[in-house]
Amino acid sequence: MLLSSSSFFLPTYLTKQIKDNNYSRGQFSFALKKSYVIALIIQEKQADLGSNNWIALNRELAKTQWLSALKLARWYQGKSKNKSRELLFSKAIMWFEQAIRLGSQQAIVALAQLYFQQNKIIKAQATLRQLPEVIPSNNVSEAALILDIIIAIHLGDSTQVKQLLNSGTAVGFQHSNMLNLLLADIDKYAISNFSTKLKDVEDVKVNLSSPSCISSLQLFATNLKHLKHLEQLIQTFNTQQPLAQYVCLSTPRYISIKRLDCMAQPQHTITCDETLWRTIAEDVDSRHIGLMLNEGKANVHFGILYFDANDNAEVFSHEVSHLLGFVDEYPLIKGHNKCQGIQSKPFSHNIAVLKKYYQGDKKELRAKILKNVSWANSINANTPILQVIDKTPDKENIWLLGTPLEYKDKIGIYISESCQKSNSDYSDLPSRTTSINQVTRYSAFKPLSRRTQLRYFANDFPKEYLTLIKENPSDYFMPSFHYNIALALYQQGEISNAKYWLSQAAQWENNLMRKARVLIGEL
């Protein structure tokens, strides 16, 4: 059978007819059956986004059309965010790569952005290098420039950031909204020239006019994502956590990851070489500092708060309470310095480490014990703190320290779990043949019977503890972060430098006795 020569031009003919909207239903069905691109595009526009039909049509189109491959990539990327499925991420990458093979420079930037979001920095950089030196599309060129800058910030490469900001490409986009938003963030977080910007940029400080603001805290992060997260965290803290009224928080600041030397691993306490904080100390006008890293267990070490990007406002509030002088009410690690023995004087707002057993006159014992309890003034005179549990052979009462449960709604002296891992905690009653005055068994005690935010992050910070802060705002403060620098230098044998930083820490103390103790490193 001989075919008319016009049959060879049928695809071109039908494509033109459909494009001109001059076709019959039969012609369109035929074109669709033969997978003519124009028919597939029309059908795809009518399909529901994400439906099986939509996916099938785009898969067919993606054999030759980069835009369809890009659509599939972005759809799978969006699904993977919602469901956290690695398979969906892999499909997104596959379709981005197909779009790149078909010549899409837009897909190159999109794939690089995806790799960066997954913290695959090397792959992101390698993908961006596929772009030509001259990029026809302004949108693609600008997006690539912005991603290059963000990656340089993430890597702590200040030189590269400056070069990119001063490049001809950046100058060409000086009126662009996207680039100007990034430049605003760079200025706000003092990124491009840290030591200078830190002094020049106007801070947005919280509660500075409030008389209840008794401490100041400057937070740092090493990349833009964490800096923005810090801003949201501060906002949540300020609106939801009662401790916010006592802490002045400035705009979060950038610090290059290259200026730090930290150990930060999941389920391990974050630690850093604190001598390196010398490089920013002169430019920080706050008593305490905090650092957000990608992972690691939150903790406070003297004047520095460390936490990770997964910690919420409750965890942050818990850690801030340590800066203000509160101690954990959950079990501290074995050998913790606060649990080595009976305290010689009060050291925190909410924990006292005291003998468990006493003998003698109840009134005299009460007066003596309360002198060593920081919250003594908040305990009502009618609230008991001693319970008789036995008598000596001489018929003298043996007392157990602790407020009875029937007074559980009152401020008193209650067993805390803080030191339960210490050898002397929760021990049995001494024998009748042993003098109670020879017994050194001790425990940690707290003001409230109920569990607080010092025990579980999700619990409320109690109003009773807020009262303790108001009555005694500074006696149990952590020293300023300069004290950390001094300690780290002392441990490295740099005694003269350590003394200098102790003198800097002492300048933050108003109490003469605390100032003297800071100067000799005895806090």
Protein backbone atom coordinates (compact mmCIF):
# COMPACT_ATOMS: atom_id res chain seq x y z
CA MET A 1 0.00 0.00 0.00
CA LEU A 2 1.33 3.38 -0.96
CA LEU A 3 1.04 6.32 1.45
CA SER A 4 0.52 9.85 0.30
CA SER A 5 3.58 11.98 0.75
CA SER A 6 1.42 14.28 2.84
CA SER A 7 1.28 11.56 5.55
CA PHE A 8 4.86 12.33 6.51
CA PHE A 9 3.80 15.86 7.40
CA LEU A 10 0.82 14.81 9.51
CA PRO A 11 2.47 15.57 12.92
CA THR A 12 3.38 19.06 11.73
CA TYR A 13 -0.06 19.59 10.27
CA LEU A 14 -1.97 18.42 13.37
CA THR A 15 0.33 20.34 15.71
CA LYS A 16 -0.41 23.53 13.78
CA GLN A 17 -4.15 22.83 13.73
CA ILE A 18 -4.24 22.22 17.49
CA LYS A 19 -2.05 25.23 18.19
CA ASP A 20 -4.41 27.39 16.12
CA ASN A 21 -7.38 25.86 17.97
CA ASN A 22 -8.71 24.54 14.67
CA TYR A 23 -9.12 20.83 15.22
CA SER A 24 -11.77 18.19 15.66
CA ARG A 25 -12.24 15.87 18.62
CA GLY A 26 -11.02 12.98 16.52
CA GLN A 27 -7.89 14.83 15.46
CA PHE A 28 -7.08 15.69 19.10
CA SER A 29 -7.66 12.09 20.23
CA PHE A 30 -5.35 10.87 17.47
CA ALA A 31 -2.67 13.42 18.43
CA LEU A 32 -2.96 12.44 22.08
CA LYS A 33 -2.69 8.75 21.24
CA LYS A 34 0.45 9.45 19.22
CA SER A 35 1.90 11.55 22.10
CA TYR A 36 2.13 14.76 20.13
CA VAL A 37 3.63 17.33 22.48
CA ILE A 38 1.00 20.01 21.87
CA ALA A 39 -1.83 17.60 22.70
CA LEU A 40 -0.07 16.35 25.84
CA ILE A 41 0.49 19.93 27.03
CA ILE A 42 -3.20 20.81 26.61
CA GLN A 43 -4.28 17.64 28.38
CA GLU A 44 -1.76 18.22 31.20
CA LYS A 45 -3.14 21.69 31.87
CA GLN A 46 -6.59 20.18 32.36
CA ALA A 47 -5.39 17.43 34.72
CA ASP A 48 -5.50 17.80 38.51
CA LEU A 49 -2.11 18.62 40.00
CA GLY A 50 -0.52 15.47 41.42
CA SER A 51 -3.12 13.10 39.99
CA ASN A 52 -2.00 9.89 38.30
CA ASN A 53 -3.02 11.39 34.96
CA TRP A 54 -1.02 14.57 35.63
CA ILE A 55 2.06 12.53 36.57
CA ALA A 56 1.74 10.25 33.53
CA LEU A 57 1.36 13.17 31.12
CA ASN A 58 4.36 15.02 32.56
CA ARG A 59 6.47 11.85 32.52
CA GLU A 60 5.77 11.51 28.81
CA LEU A 61 6.43 15.19 28.16
CA ALA A 62 9.62 15.11 30.24
CA LYS A 63 11.25 12.93 27.61
CA THR A 64 11.73 16.07 25.52
CA GLN A 65 10.41 19.03 27.54
CA TRP A 66 12.57 20.33 30.40
CA LEU A 67 9.68 22.30 31.89
CA SER A 68 7.71 19.10 32.53
CA ALA A 69 10.74 17.45 34.13
CA LEU A 70 11.09 20.53 36.32
CA LYS A 71 7.40 20.37 37.29
CA LEU A 72 7.78 16.75 38.36
CA ALA A 73 10.94 17.52 40.31
CA ARG A 74 9.29 20.32 42.25
CA TRP A 75 6.16 18.27 42.90
CA TYR A 76 8.18 15.37 44.34
CA GLN A 77 10.29 17.83 46.34
CA GLY A 78 7.15 19.31 47.88
CA LYS A 79 5.78 15.88 48.72
CA SER A 80 9.05 14.84 50.35
CA LYS A 81 8.92 17.86 52.68
CA ASN A 82 5.48 16.86 53.91
CA LYS A 83 6.15 13.14 54.26
CA SER A 84 9.92 13.07 54.83
CA ARG A 85 10.37 10.19 52.44
CA GLU A 86 13.84 9.61 51.05
CA LEU A 87 12.36 7.92 47.96
CA LEU A 88 10.46 11.09 47.05
CA PHE A 89 13.63 13.16 47.43
CA SER A 90 15.42 10.73 45.11
CA LYS A 91 12.67 11.11 42.51
CA ALA A 92 12.89 14.89 42.78
CA ILE A 93 16.64 14.73 42.15
CA MET A 94 16.10 12.36 39.20
CA TRP A 95 13.71 14.76 37.48
CA PHE A 96 15.89 17.80 38.22
CA GLU A 97 18.75 15.95 36.53
CA GLN A 98 16.52 15.13 33.54
CA ALA A 99 15.58 18.81 33.22
CA ILE A 100 19.28 19.69 33.32
CA ARG A 101 20.02 17.15 30.55
CA LEU A 102 17.34 18.87 28.46
CA GLY A 103 19.13 22.19 28.94
CA SER A 104 17.36 23.82 31.89
CA GLN A 105 19.61 26.24 33.78
CA GLN A 106 16.71 26.89 36.15
CA ALA A 107 16.86 23.22 37.16
CA ILE A 108 20.58 23.55 37.93
CA VAL A 109 19.91 26.23 40.53
CA ALA A 110 16.86 24.40 41.90
CA LEU A 111 18.83 21.16 42.36
CA ALA A 112 21.70 23.05 44.00
CA GLN A 113 19.19 24.64 46.39
CA LEU A 114 17.80 21.20 47.23
CA TYR A 115 21.27 19.83 47.96
CA PHE A 116 22.00 22.85 50.16
CA GLN A 117 18.77 22.32 52.11
CA GLN A 118 19.91 18.74 52.73
CA ASN A 119 23.25 20.09 53.98
CA LYS A 120 25.06 18.50 51.01
CA ILE A 121 27.22 21.54 50.44
CA ILE A 122 29.80 19.96 48.13
CA LYS A 123 27.07 18.62 45.83
CA ALA A 124 25.36 22.01 45.82
CA GLN A 125 28.59 23.73 44.79
CA ALA A 126 29.34 21.12 42.12
CA THR A 127 25.85 21.51 40.68
CA LEU A 128 26.17 25.30 40.49
CA ARG A 129 29.42 24.92 38.57
CA GLN A 130 27.40 23.45 35.68
CA LEU A 131 26.11 26.95 34.92
CA PRO A 132 27.88 28.82 32.10
CA GLU A 133 29.77 32.02 32.85
CA VAL A 134 27.16 34.03 30.98
CA ILE A 135 23.60 33.20 32.01
CA PRO A 136 20.91 34.54 29.66
CA SER A 137 18.14 34.51 32.27
CA ASN A 138 18.33 37.27 34.88
CA ASN A 139 16.17 35.24 37.25
CA VAL A 140 18.51 32.25 37.07
CA SER A 141 21.59 34.45 37.37
CA GLU A 142 20.23 36.22 40.44
CA ALA A 143 19.10 32.98 42.11
CA ALA A 144 22.55 31.45 41.52
CA LEU A 145 24.28 34.52 42.97
CA ILE A 146 22.08 34.49 46.08
CA LEU A 147 22.71 30.78 46.64
CA ASP A 148 26.46 31.31 46.20
CA ILE A 149 26.38 34.02 48.88
CA ILE A 150 24.30 31.91 51.28
CA ILE A 151 26.68 28.95 50.86
CA ALA A 152 29.69 31.19 51.53
CA ILE A 153 28.00 32.48 54.70
CA HIS A 154 27.27 28.89 55.77
CA LEU A 155 30.91 27.92 55.26
CA GLY A 156 32.12 30.98 57.15
CA ASP A 157 33.99 32.28 54.10
CA SER A 158 33.81 36.03 54.73
CA THR A 159 36.26 36.78 51.91
CA GLN A 160 34.05 34.99 49.39
CA VAL A 161 30.96 36.78 50.70
CA LYS A 162 32.63 40.16 50.15
CA GLN A 163 33.83 39.19 46.67
CA LEU A 164 30.35 38.08 45.64
CA LEU A 165 28.75 41.22 47.06
CA ASN A 166 31.22 43.39 45.14
CA SER A 167 30.96 41.41 41.90
CA GLY A 168 29.58 42.85 38.69
CA THR A 169 26.68 40.41 38.89
CA ALA A 170 25.66 41.77 42.29
CA VAL A 171 25.93 45.35 41.07
CA GLY A 172 23.67 44.46 38.16
CA PHE A 173 20.96 43.32 40.56
CA GLN A 174 21.27 46.21 43.01
CA HIS A 175 17.60 47.11 42.53
CA SER A 176 16.35 43.54 42.84
CA ASN A 177 13.98 42.78 45.71
CA MET A 178 15.42 39.30 46.31
CA LEU A 179 19.01 40.48 46.54
CA ASN A 180 18.08 43.49 48.65
CA LEU A 181 16.27 41.24 51.11
CA LEU A 182 19.44 39.18 51.45
CA LEU A 183 21.55 42.33 51.83
CA ALA A 184 19.19 43.51 54.57
CA ASP A 185 19.76 40.22 56.42
CA ILE A 186 23.51 40.53 55.94
CA ASP A 187 23.42 43.97 57.53
CA LYS A 188 20.99 43.00 60.29
CA TYR A 189 22.99 39.97 61.39
CA ALA A 190 26.38 41.69 60.88
CA ILE A 191 27.63 39.09 58.42
CA SER A 192 29.86 40.74 55.83
CA ASN A 193 32.18 42.61 58.19
CA PHE A 194 31.62 41.17 61.63
CA SER A 195 33.94 43.20 63.82
CA THR A 196 32.79 46.52 62.36
CA LYS A 197 29.14 45.77 61.74
CA LEU A 198 28.63 44.54 65.26
CA LYS A 199 29.22 48.05 66.52
CA ASP A 200 27.47 49.89 63.70
CA VAL A 201 24.24 47.96 63.25
CA GLU A 202 21.40 49.21 65.41
CA ASP A 203 20.19 46.41 67.67
CA VAL A 204 16.58 45.68 68.34
CA LYS A 205 16.72 44.93 72.06
CA VAL A 206 13.87 43.55 74.07
CA ASN A 207 12.71 44.91 77.42
CA LEU A 208 15.61 47.35 77.78
CA SER A 209 13.21 49.91 79.19
CA SER A 210 11.76 47.42 81.64
CA PRO A 211 13.05 47.68 85.22
CA SER A 212 12.61 43.90 85.55
CA CYS A 213 15.20 43.19 82.84
CA ILE A 214 18.15 42.13 84.99
CA SER A 215 20.37 40.31 82.50
CA SER A 216 21.45 40.57 78.87
CA LEU A 217 22.02 37.76 76.38
CA GLN A 218 23.53 37.96 72.89
CA LEU A 219 22.75 34.95 70.69
CA PHE A 220 24.94 33.78 67.80
CA ALA A 221 24.48 31.39 64.89
CA THR A 222 26.69 30.31 62.00
CA ASN A 223 24.24 30.50 59.09
CA LEU A 224 21.22 32.42 57.84
CA LYS A 225 18.73 29.62 58.47
CA HIS A 226 19.68 29.44 62.14
CA LEU A 227 19.73 33.23 62.50
CA LYS A 228 16.16 33.45 61.24
CA HIS A 229 15.22 30.55 63.49
CA LEU A 230 16.72 32.43 66.44
CA GLU A 231 14.54 35.44 65.68
CA GLN A 232 11.43 33.25 65.74
CA LEU A 233 12.62 31.55 68.92
CA ILE A 234 13.16 34.91 70.63
CA GLN A 235 9.68 36.04 69.58
CA THR A 236 8.11 32.86 70.97
CA PHE A 237 10.16 33.13 74.16
CA ASN A 238 9.12 36.75 74.65
CA THR A 239 5.42 36.05 74.18
CA GLN A 240 5.09 32.67 75.93
CA GLN A 241 7.77 32.35 78.60
CA PRO A 242 7.56 34.34 81.87
CA LEU A 243 11.36 34.48 82.22
CA ALA A 244 11.51 36.77 79.18
CA GLN A 245 10.80 39.82 81.34
CA TYR A 246 14.17 39.38 83.06
CA VAL A 247 16.40 38.99 79.99
CA CYS A 248 17.36 41.58 77.36
CA LEU A 249 17.80 39.85 74.01
CA SER A 250 19.43 41.68 71.11
CA THR A 251 19.17 40.88 67.41
CA PRO A 252 20.92 37.54 66.80
CA ARG A 253 24.44 37.84 65.40
CA TYR A 254 26.38 35.86 62.86
CA ILE A 255 29.66 34.20 63.72
CA SER A 256 31.72 32.34 61.14
CA ILE A 257 31.99 28.62 61.79
CA LYS A 258 35.70 29.06 61.06
CA ARG A 259 36.04 31.17 64.20
CA LEU A 260 34.77 28.33 66.40
CA ASP A 261 36.16 25.00 67.54
CA CYS A 262 33.22 23.04 68.93
CA MET A 263 32.25 19.44 69.55
CA ALA A 264 28.56 19.11 68.70
CA GLN A 265 27.13 15.64 68.21
CA PRO A 266 23.66 14.18 68.84
CA GLN A 267 23.13 13.09 72.46
CA HIS A 268 26.43 14.68 73.51
CA THR A 269 26.80 17.94 75.43
CA ILE A 270 28.01 20.79 73.22
CA THR A 271 31.49 22.01 74.16
CA CYS A 272 33.71 24.63 72.55
CA ASP A 273 37.20 26.06 72.89
CA GLU A 274 36.12 29.13 74.82
CA THR A 275 39.40 30.98 74.39
CA LEU A 276 38.18 31.76 70.86
CA TRP A 277 35.38 33.98 72.18
CA ARG A 278 38.11 36.59 72.72
CA THR A 279 37.77 37.54 69.06
CA ILE A 280 34.27 38.97 69.56
CA ALA A 281 34.34 40.00 73.22
CA GLU A 282 35.15 43.66 72.66
CA ASP A 283 32.17 44.04 70.34
CA VAL A 284 29.57 42.35 72.54
CA ASP A 285 27.78 44.50 75.09
CA SER A 286 25.99 41.78 77.04
CA ARG A 287 26.64 39.78 80.18
CA HIS A 288 25.96 36.38 78.63
CA ILE A 289 26.20 34.91 75.15
CA GLY A 290 24.55 31.93 73.49
CA LEU A 291 25.41 29.81 70.47
CA MET A 292 23.03 27.78 68.32
CA LEU A 293 24.60 24.88 66.43
CA ASN A 294 23.07 22.26 64.18
CA GLU A 295 23.07 19.49 66.79
CA GLY A 296 24.18 18.60 70.31
CA LYS A 297 22.70 18.66 73.82
CA ALA A 298 21.85 22.06 75.29
CA ASN A 299 23.76 23.23 78.35
CA VAL A 300 24.98 26.30 80.21
CA HIS A 301 28.65 26.62 81.08
CA PHE A 302 29.06 29.64 83.35
CA GLY A 303 28.20 32.64 81.13
CA ILE A 304 27.65 30.79 77.84
CA LEU A 305 24.50 28.99 76.70
CA TYR A 306 24.86 26.29 74.04
CA PHE A 307 21.89 24.72 72.26
CA ASP A 308 20.91 23.26 68.90
CA ALA A 309 18.47 24.16 66.15
CA ASN A 310 15.91 21.57 67.31
CA ASP A 311 15.50 23.11 70.77
CA ASN A 312 12.21 24.94 71.28
CA ALA A 313 11.26 27.92 73.46
CA GLU A 314 10.67 25.67 76.50
CA VAL A 315 14.19 24.23 76.28
CA PHE A 316 15.60 27.71 75.71
CA SER A 317 13.74 29.07 78.76
CA HIS A 318 15.05 26.17 80.85
CA GLU A 319 18.63 26.99 79.85
CA VAL A 320 18.13 30.73 80.41
CA SER A 321 16.99 29.92 83.95
CA HIS A 322 20.46 28.47 84.61
CA LEU A 323 22.03 31.79 83.61
CA LEU A 324 19.77 33.47 86.18
CA GLY A 325 20.80 31.09 88.96
CA PHE A 326 18.51 28.05 88.87
CA VAL A 327 19.72 24.44 89.01
CA ASP A 328 18.21 21.38 87.33
CA GLU A 329 15.63 19.46 89.34
CA TYR A 330 16.12 16.27 87.33
CA PRO A 331 18.98 13.88 88.22
CA LEU A 332 22.35 15.51 87.58
CA ILE A 333 25.24 13.39 86.36
CA LYS A 334 27.10 11.34 88.93
CA GLY A 335 29.94 13.38 90.35
CA HIS A 336 28.33 16.75 89.59
CA ASN A 337 30.10 19.48 91.54
CA LYS A 338 26.87 20.59 93.24
CA CYS A 339 26.32 17.10 94.68
CA GLN A 340 29.70 16.41 96.26
CA GLY A 341 28.55 17.14 99.79
CA ILE A 342 26.58 19.43 102.07
CA GLN A 343 26.72 23.01 100.87
CA SER A 344 28.60 25.59 102.91
CA LYS A 345 26.30 28.39 101.74
CA PRO A 346 23.37 28.89 99.34
CA PHE A 347 24.37 28.63 95.67
CA SER A 348 21.09 28.81 93.72
CA HIS A 349 17.52 30.06 93.82
CA ASN A 350 15.91 26.63 93.89
CA ILE A 351 18.29 23.93 95.14
CA ALA A 352 19.96 23.43 98.51
CA VAL A 353 22.14 20.42 99.32
CA LEU A 354 21.63 19.71 103.02
CA LYS A 355 21.82 16.99 105.65
CA LYS A 356 18.81 14.71 105.68
CA TYR A 357 18.77 13.87 109.42
CA TYR A 358 19.00 16.05 112.52
CA GLN A 359 18.56 15.77 116.26
CA GLY A 360 17.96 18.47 118.81
CA ASP A 361 15.52 21.27 119.49
CA LYS A 362 13.11 21.71 116.58
CA LYS A 363 13.00 25.51 116.77
CA GLU A 364 16.77 25.88 116.91
CA LEU A 365 17.25 23.39 114.09
CA ARG A 366 14.71 25.19 111.91
CA ALA A 367 16.46 28.54 112.37
CA LYS A 368 19.86 27.02 111.61
CA ILE A 369 18.65 25.21 108.49
CA LEU A 370 16.81 28.22 107.06
CA LYS A 371 19.99 30.31 107.24
CA ASN A 372 21.37 27.97 104.58
CA VAL A 373 18.29 28.02 102.32
CA SER A 374 18.04 30.77 99.70
CA TRP A 375 14.21 30.76 99.63
CA ALA A 376 13.81 30.82 103.42
CA ASN A 377 11.95 34.15 103.39
CA SER A 378 9.25 32.60 101.21
CA ILE A 379 8.51 29.78 103.66
CA ASN A 380 5.57 30.58 105.92
CA ALA A 381 6.30 30.31 109.64
CA ASN A 382 3.46 27.80 109.94
CA THR A 383 4.86 25.51 107.24
CA PRO A 384 6.90 22.72 108.85
CA ILE A 385 10.25 21.68 107.40
CA LEU A 386 11.13 18.86 109.83
CA GLN A 387 9.35 15.58 110.56
CA VAL A 388 10.07 13.40 113.57
CA ILE A 389 10.90 9.84 112.52
CA ASP A 390 12.51 8.26 115.61
CA LYS A 391 14.11 8.90 118.97
CA THR A 392 17.64 8.44 120.22
CA PRO A 393 18.35 6.16 123.23
CA ASP A 394 18.25 9.39 125.25
CA LYS A 395 14.67 10.01 124.04
CA GLU A 396 15.77 12.91 121.85
CA ASN A 397 13.83 13.33 118.60
CA ILE A 398 15.46 12.38 115.29
CA TRP A 399 14.22 14.66 112.54
CA LEU A 400 13.99 14.10 108.78
CA LEU A 401 14.34 17.27 106.75
CA GLY A 402 11.36 17.82 104.48
CA THR A 403 7.94 19.46 104.43
CA PRO A 404 5.07 16.96 104.94
CA LEU A 405 2.92 16.11 101.92
CA GLU A 406 -0.18 17.70 103.44
CA TYR A 407 1.57 21.04 102.84
CA LYS A 408 2.43 20.18 99.22
CA ASP A 409 0.78 23.34 97.88
CA LYS A 410 2.98 25.55 100.05
CA ILE A 411 6.54 26.70 99.57
CA GLY A 412 8.67 24.51 101.80
CA ILE A 413 11.63 22.15 101.63
CA TYR A 414 11.04 19.10 99.43
CA ILE A 415 13.31 16.34 98.19
CA SER A 416 14.69 17.05 94.71
CA GLU A 417 16.00 14.45 92.28
CA SER A 418 19.00 16.64 91.50
CA CYS A 419 21.55 14.65 93.52
CA GLN A 420 19.93 11.23 93.55
CA LYS A 421 22.88 9.74 91.64
CA SER A 422 25.25 10.75 94.43
CA ASN A 423 26.28 8.05 96.88
CA SER A 424 24.76 9.77 99.90
CA ASP A 425 21.35 10.36 98.37
CA TYR A 426 18.25 8.43 99.46
CA SER A 427 20.17 6.38 102.02
CA ASP A 428 18.55 4.52 104.89
CA LEU A 429 18.00 5.93 108.35
CA PRO A 430 21.14 5.68 110.52
CA SER A 431 21.18 3.01 113.21
CA ARG A 432 20.23 3.81 116.81
CA THR A 433 23.78 3.16 117.91
CA THR A 434 25.16 5.89 115.65
CA SER A 435 25.08 9.51 116.75
CA ILE A 436 22.98 11.51 114.31
CA ASN A 437 25.56 14.31 114.45
CA GLN A 438 28.12 11.92 112.95
CA VAL A 439 25.92 11.12 109.96
CA THR A 440 26.81 13.04 106.79
CA ARG A 441 24.04 11.72 104.53
CA TYR A 442 22.62 14.49 102.43
CA SER A 443 20.21 15.24 99.62
CA ALA A 444 19.17 18.03 97.30
CA PHE A 445 16.06 19.97 98.30
CA LYS A 446 13.80 22.37 96.41
CA PRO A 447 11.07 24.91 97.30
CA LEU A 448 8.08 23.23 95.58
CA SER A 449 6.68 19.73 95.69
CA ARG A 450 5.37 19.83 92.11
CA ARG A 451 7.45 19.34 89.00
CA THR A 452 8.52 22.52 87.23
CA GLN A 453 10.28 23.56 84.03
CA LEU A 454 13.54 22.79 85.84
CA ARG A 455 12.43 19.13 85.83
CA TYR A 456 10.57 18.84 82.52
CA PHE A 457 11.01 21.38 79.73
CA ALA A 458 7.31 21.34 78.85
CA ASN A 459 6.21 22.30 82.37
CA ASP A 460 5.54 25.90 83.35
CA PHE A 461 8.14 28.07 84.99
CA PRO A 462 6.44 28.62 88.37
CA LYS A 463 5.35 32.05 89.54
CA GLU A 464 6.90 31.27 92.93
CA TYR A 465 10.32 31.12 91.24
CA LEU A 466 9.68 34.45 89.56
CA THR A 467 9.16 35.90 93.04
CA LEU A 468 12.53 34.47 94.11
CA ILE A 469 14.18 36.34 91.23
CA LYS A 470 12.48 39.60 92.20
CA GLU A 471 13.55 39.26 95.83
CA ASN A 472 17.14 38.35 95.03
CA PRO A 473 17.93 39.11 91.39
CA SER A 474 21.70 38.83 91.20
CA ASP A 475 23.25 36.71 93.96
CA TYR A 476 23.13 33.48 91.94
CA PHE A 477 23.77 34.89 88.47
CA MET A 478 26.18 33.03 86.28
CA PRO A 479 29.26 35.23 85.76
CA SER A 480 29.69 37.00 82.44
CA PHE A 481 31.05 35.05 79.47
CA HIS A 482 34.43 36.72 80.03
CA TYR A 483 34.79 34.36 82.99
CA ASN A 484 34.61 31.42 80.56
CA ILE A 485 37.46 32.89 78.54
CA ALA A 486 39.53 33.33 81.69
CA LEU A 487 38.92 29.76 82.82
CA ALA A 488 39.82 28.33 79.41
CA LEU A 489 43.04 30.36 79.31
CA TYR A 490 43.93 29.32 82.86
CA GLN A 491 43.49 25.67 81.90
CA GLN A 492 45.93 26.24 79.04
CA GLY A 493 48.49 27.79 81.39
CA GLU A 494 48.03 31.39 80.20
CA ILE A 495 47.78 32.83 83.71
CA SER A 496 48.39 36.52 82.95
CA ASN A 497 45.84 36.53 80.13
CA ALA A 498 43.38 34.70 82.36
CA LYS A 499 43.69 37.45 84.99
CA TYR A 500 42.89 40.09 82.38
CA TRP A 501 39.65 38.33 81.44
CA LEU A 502 38.73 37.85 85.09
CA SER A 503 39.01 41.61 85.45
CA GLN A 504 36.67 42.00 82.47
CA ALA A 505 34.19 39.61 84.07
CA ALA A 506 34.39 41.49 87.37
CA GLN A 507 33.17 44.66 85.68
CA TRP A 508 29.75 43.04 85.29
CA GLU A 509 29.37 42.55 89.05
CA ASN A 510 27.67 45.12 91.28
CA ASN A 511 28.05 43.18 94.51
CA LEU A 512 31.51 43.81 95.97
CA MET A 513 31.78 40.31 97.44
CA ARG A 514 30.89 38.68 94.11
CA LYS A 515 33.30 41.01 92.32
CA ALA A 516 36.10 39.92 94.66
CA ARG A 517 35.29 36.24 94.10
CA VAL A 518 35.23 36.70 90.33
CA LEU A 519 38.62 38.42 90.37
CA ILE A 520 40.21 35.37 91.98
CA GLY A 521 38.20 32.88 89.91
CA GLU A 522 36.20 31.37 92.76
CA LEU A 523 32.64 31.37 91.42
